[in-house]
């Protein structure tokens, strides 16, 4: 999963990024309004952590722009302001959650996981596609109830495809999703092909049907009817 951390306090930004990178999230950073707008111009994210008070402008203005553009990212506001008026303003503008500083990173992690499940997986904790089981929060993969060891990039790629089940995901979107802060990924179809090849190989060697289809000239598609899911 890929998150954008918009926070101007260096120590807090680093603590958040370190915490989530240890949990295999791709973290992209911005410390002011202009940088945040630039990150959003060239990337898409599963979740945005948004501070209200930013150098160059208000995080609420950025939130309004995000929703005016009909972007689908989940947004969690991080703010030292604890007034009910600020919370109402943020939620009314389209924030999915509001967390008051100081906060525990473990709580923030739970809120992000819950948001991502709601946004991309209809709240499900696991998804089952015949012999393939995807545990969303833990990002663990099983084939015929046996765990499959994937790299961080490979598991992120599989979750992206599953979240867009039966829809084409372009190579450009995949490269962006895998990039994190690694600019060399942008537009690099060779890197996309390498990760895709490794993912498909590991799944088929584990006995999984090849549900990932190449759509020539467009991208890739995970193509399988979901057989079961669980919110528990």
Protein backbone atom coordinates (compact mmCIF):
# COMPACT_ATOMS: atom_id res chain seq x y z
CA UNK A 1 0.00 0.00 0.00
CA UNK A 2 1.15 3.52 -0.76
CA UNK A 3 0.59 6.48 1.55
CA UNK A 4 1.34 10.18 1.18
CA UNK A 5 2.47 11.81 4.44
CA UNK A 6 1.89 15.58 4.36
CA UNK A 7 3.45 16.85 7.59
CA UNK A 8 5.77 19.82 8.15
CA UNK A 9 7.22 18.74 11.51
CA UNK A 10 10.40 16.83 10.52
CA UNK A 11 10.61 14.56 13.58
CA UNK A 12 6.95 13.53 13.41
CA UNK A 13 7.10 13.02 9.64
CA UNK A 14 10.15 10.78 10.03
CA UNK A 15 8.59 8.79 12.89
CA UNK A 16 5.44 8.14 10.87
CA UNK A 17 7.37 7.17 7.74
CA UNK A 18 9.77 4.88 9.63
CA UNK A 19 6.86 3.16 11.40
CA UNK A 20 4.96 2.41 8.22
CA UNK A 21 7.99 1.50 6.13
CA UNK A 22 8.78 -1.18 8.71
CA UNK A 23 5.31 -2.50 7.92
CA UNK A 24 6.08 -2.57 4.19
CA UNK A 25 4.12 0.53 3.22
CA UNK A 26 5.42 2.71 0.40
CA UNK A 27 5.74 6.19 1.95
CA UNK A 28 5.95 9.43 -0.04
CA UNK A 29 6.69 12.62 1.88
CA UNK A 30 5.69 16.29 1.60
CA UNK A 31 6.40 19.07 4.10
CA UNK A 32 4.57 22.01 2.53
CA UNK A 33 1.55 22.75 0.37
CA UNK A 34 3.49 23.14 -2.89
CA UNK A 35 5.35 19.84 -2.47
CA UNK A 36 2.10 18.08 -1.57
CA UNK A 37 0.43 19.41 -4.71
CA UNK A 38 3.38 18.22 -6.79
CA UNK A 39 3.23 14.73 -5.25
CA UNK A 40 -0.49 14.53 -5.99
CA UNK A 41 0.01 15.74 -9.55
CA UNK A 42 2.31 12.84 -10.41
CA UNK A 43 1.05 10.07 -8.16
CA UNK A 44 -1.93 8.22 -6.74
CA UNK A 45 -2.16 6.81 -3.23
CA UNK A 46 -4.14 4.41 -1.08
CA UNK A 47 -4.22 6.87 1.79
CA UNK A 48 -3.21 10.49 2.47
CA UNK A 49 -2.19 11.66 5.94
CA UNK A 50 -2.83 15.40 5.93
CA UNK A 51 -1.74 18.01 8.45
CA UNK A 52 -4.01 21.07 8.52
CA UNK A 53 -1.36 23.72 9.22
CA UNK A 54 1.20 23.70 6.40
CA UNK A 55 3.78 26.15 5.10
CA UNK A 56 2.25 27.80 2.05
CA UNK A 57 -1.41 27.24 2.88
CA UNK A 58 -4.07 25.27 4.69
CA UNK A 59 -4.42 21.52 4.49
CA UNK A 60 -8.18 22.07 4.33
CA UNK A 61 -7.73 23.95 1.04
CA UNK A 62 -5.77 20.99 -0.32
CA UNK A 63 -8.46 18.60 0.89
CA UNK A 64 -11.11 20.63 -0.95
CA UNK A 65 -9.02 20.47 -4.15
CA UNK A 66 -8.62 16.68 -3.76
CA UNK A 67 -12.36 16.18 -3.47
CA UNK A 68 -13.18 18.72 -6.21
CA UNK A 69 -10.98 16.65 -8.54
CA UNK A 70 -12.98 13.56 -7.50
CA UNK A 71 -9.82 11.75 -6.46
CA UNK A 72 -10.51 8.47 -4.69
CA UNK A 73 -7.75 8.49 -2.06
CA UNK A 74 -8.73 8.07 1.55
CA UNK A 75 -7.74 11.11 3.63
CA UNK A 76 -6.97 11.14 7.35
CA UNK A 77 -6.43 14.57 8.87
CA UNK A 78 -3.64 14.87 11.45
CA UNK A 79 -4.07 18.00 13.54
CA UNK A 80 -3.12 19.58 16.85
CA UNK A 81 -6.49 21.31 16.74
CA UNK A 82 -9.05 19.48 18.85
CA UNK A 83 -12.04 21.76 18.43
CA UNK A 84 -15.31 20.30 17.23
CA UNK A 85 -15.55 23.05 14.57
CA UNK A 86 -12.23 21.99 12.99
CA UNK A 87 -13.31 18.34 12.98
CA UNK A 88 -16.64 19.17 11.39
CA UNK A 89 -14.94 21.36 8.78
CA UNK A 90 -12.53 18.61 7.82
CA UNK A 91 -15.15 15.87 7.68
CA UNK A 92 -17.57 18.08 5.76
CA UNK A 93 -14.87 18.73 3.14
CA UNK A 94 -14.49 14.99 2.59
CA UNK A 95 -11.94 13.71 5.10
CA UNK A 96 -12.48 10.06 6.02
CA UNK A 97 -11.09 10.40 9.53
CA UNK A 98 -9.65 12.98 11.93
CA UNK A 99 -6.82 12.20 14.37
CA UNK A 100 -5.75 14.69 17.02
CA UNK A 101 -2.08 15.10 17.91
CA UNK A 102 -0.42 13.61 19.87
CA UNK A 103 -1.47 10.12 18.82
CA UNK A 104 -0.17 6.58 19.06
CA UNK A 105 1.22 5.24 15.80
CA UNK A 106 -0.40 1.87 16.46
CA UNK A 107 -3.81 3.58 16.57
CA UNK A 108 -3.05 5.45 13.35
CA UNK A 109 -2.06 2.14 11.76
CA UNK A 110 -5.41 0.62 12.73
CA UNK A 111 -7.28 3.61 11.32
CA UNK A 112 -5.38 3.38 8.02
CA UNK A 113 -6.00 -0.36 7.74
CA UNK A 114 -9.70 0.16 8.41
CA UNK A 115 -9.89 2.96 5.84
CA UNK A 116 -8.10 0.94 3.16
CA UNK A 117 -10.37 -2.04 3.75
CA UNK A 118 -13.43 0.18 3.38
CA UNK A 119 -12.13 1.98 0.30
CA UNK A 120 -10.66 -0.91 -1.66
CA UNK A 121 -11.96 -4.16 -0.23
CA UNK A 122 -15.50 -3.39 1.00
CA UNK A 123 -14.31 -3.70 4.59
CA UNK A 124 -13.11 -7.28 4.15
CA UNK A 125 -10.27 -8.70 6.22
CA UNK A 126 -9.58 -11.45 3.71
CA UNK A 127 -10.58 -12.25 0.13
CA UNK A 128 -10.82 -15.72 -1.35
CA UNK A 129 -10.50 -16.50 -5.04
CA UNK A 130 -10.85 -20.28 -5.24
CA UNK A 131 -7.47 -21.59 -4.01
CA UNK A 132 -5.98 -18.09 -3.54
CA UNK A 133 -6.52 -16.32 -0.20
CA UNK A 134 -5.44 -12.70 0.33
CA UNK A 135 -5.32 -11.43 3.91
CA UNK A 136 -5.72 -7.70 3.40
CA UNK A 137 -4.46 -6.19 6.63
CA UNK A 138 -1.52 -8.56 7.17
CA UNK A 139 -0.78 -8.61 3.42
CA UNK A 140 -0.24 -12.36 3.58
CA UNK A 141 -0.93 -14.67 0.63
CA UNK A 142 -2.00 -18.31 0.76
CA UNK A 143 -2.47 -20.86 -2.02
CA UNK A 144 -4.31 -24.04 -1.02
CA UNK A 145 -3.95 -22.80 2.58
CA UNK A 146 -0.17 -22.74 2.30
CA UNK A 147 1.68 -19.39 2.73
CA UNK A 148 3.42 -17.93 -0.30
CA UNK A 149 6.49 -15.80 0.33
CA UNK A 150 6.39 -12.59 -1.72
CA UNK A 151 8.62 -9.55 -1.68
CA UNK A 152 7.21 -6.24 -0.47
CA UNK A 153 6.82 -5.04 -4.07
CA UNK A 154 5.18 -8.28 -5.19
CA UNK A 155 2.60 -8.31 -2.40
CA UNK A 156 1.85 -4.63 -3.03
CA UNK A 157 1.40 -5.39 -6.72
CA UNK A 158 -0.97 -8.29 -6.05
CA UNK A 159 -3.10 -6.17 -3.69
CA UNK A 160 -3.30 -3.44 -6.33
CA UNK A 161 -4.54 -5.92 -8.92
CA UNK A 162 -6.99 -7.56 -6.52
CA UNK A 163 -8.36 -4.15 -5.47
CA UNK A 164 -9.09 -3.55 -9.16
CA UNK A 165 -10.42 -7.05 -9.79
CA UNK A 166 -11.54 -7.55 -13.41
CA UNK A 167 -10.42 -4.01 -14.34
CA UNK A 168 -7.34 -3.16 -16.41
CA UNK A 169 -4.50 -1.49 -14.50
CA UNK A 170 -2.09 0.36 -16.78
CA UNK A 171 1.67 -0.16 -16.65
CA UNK A 172 2.06 3.51 -15.76
CA UNK A 173 -0.30 3.15 -12.79
CA UNK A 174 1.58 0.06 -11.63
CA UNK A 175 4.96 1.82 -11.88
CA UNK A 176 3.57 4.75 -9.91
CA UNK A 177 2.12 2.44 -7.26
CA UNK A 178 5.43 0.64 -6.81
CA UNK A 179 7.60 3.74 -6.87
CA UNK A 180 7.46 5.11 -3.33
CA UNK A 181 10.21 7.75 -3.37
CA UNK A 182 12.16 5.87 -6.07
CA UNK A 183 11.82 8.14 -9.09
CA UNK A 184 13.53 5.56 -11.32
CA UNK A 185 10.28 3.57 -11.31
CA UNK A 186 8.26 6.20 -13.15
CA UNK A 187 7.50 5.04 -16.67
CA UNK A 188 9.87 2.08 -16.31
CA UNK A 189 8.03 -0.78 -17.99
CA UNK A 190 10.99 -3.13 -17.57
CA UNK A 191 10.72 -2.85 -13.79
CA UNK A 192 6.97 -3.46 -13.95
CA UNK A 193 7.50 -6.50 -16.16
CA UNK A 194 10.17 -7.90 -13.81
CA UNK A 195 7.98 -7.66 -10.70
CA UNK A 196 4.97 -9.01 -12.58
CA UNK A 197 6.94 -11.96 -13.93
CA UNK A 198 8.26 -12.84 -10.47
CA UNK A 199 4.80 -12.55 -8.88
CA UNK A 200 3.13 -14.77 -11.48
CA UNK A 201 5.97 -17.33 -11.23
CA UNK A 202 5.71 -17.61 -7.45
CA UNK A 203 1.94 -17.97 -7.52
CA UNK A 204 1.89 -20.62 -10.26
CA UNK A 205 4.72 -22.58 -8.62
CA UNK A 206 2.58 -22.65 -5.46
CA UNK A 207 -0.26 -24.21 -7.46
CA UNK A 208 -2.33 -21.11 -8.13
CA UNK A 209 -4.25 -20.62 -11.35
CA UNK A 210 -2.81 -17.74 -13.40
CA UNK A 211 -5.50 -15.14 -12.75
CA UNK A 212 -3.25 -12.23 -13.80
CA UNK A 213 -3.81 -11.52 -17.49
CA UNK A 214 -1.73 -9.35 -19.81
CA UNK A 215 -3.84 -6.90 -21.81
CA UNK A 216 -1.51 -6.09 -24.69
CA UNK A 217 -0.85 -2.40 -25.17
CA UNK A 218 -2.79 -1.47 -22.01
CA UNK A 219 -1.58 -3.22 -18.87
CA UNK A 220 -2.65 -6.09 -16.64
CA UNK A 221 -5.85 -7.41 -15.09
CA UNK A 222 -6.64 -9.76 -12.22
CA UNK A 223 -9.56 -11.78 -13.58
CA UNK A 224 -11.38 -14.05 -11.13
CA UNK A 225 -14.73 -14.00 -9.37
CA UNK A 226 -14.39 -13.62 -5.61
CA UNK A 227 -15.66 -16.77 -3.87
CA UNK A 228 -15.66 -15.52 -0.30
CA UNK A 229 -14.74 -12.57 1.90
CA UNK A 230 -14.86 -11.83 5.61
CA UNK A 231 -15.06 -8.72 7.75
CA UNK A 232 -14.19 -10.68 10.88
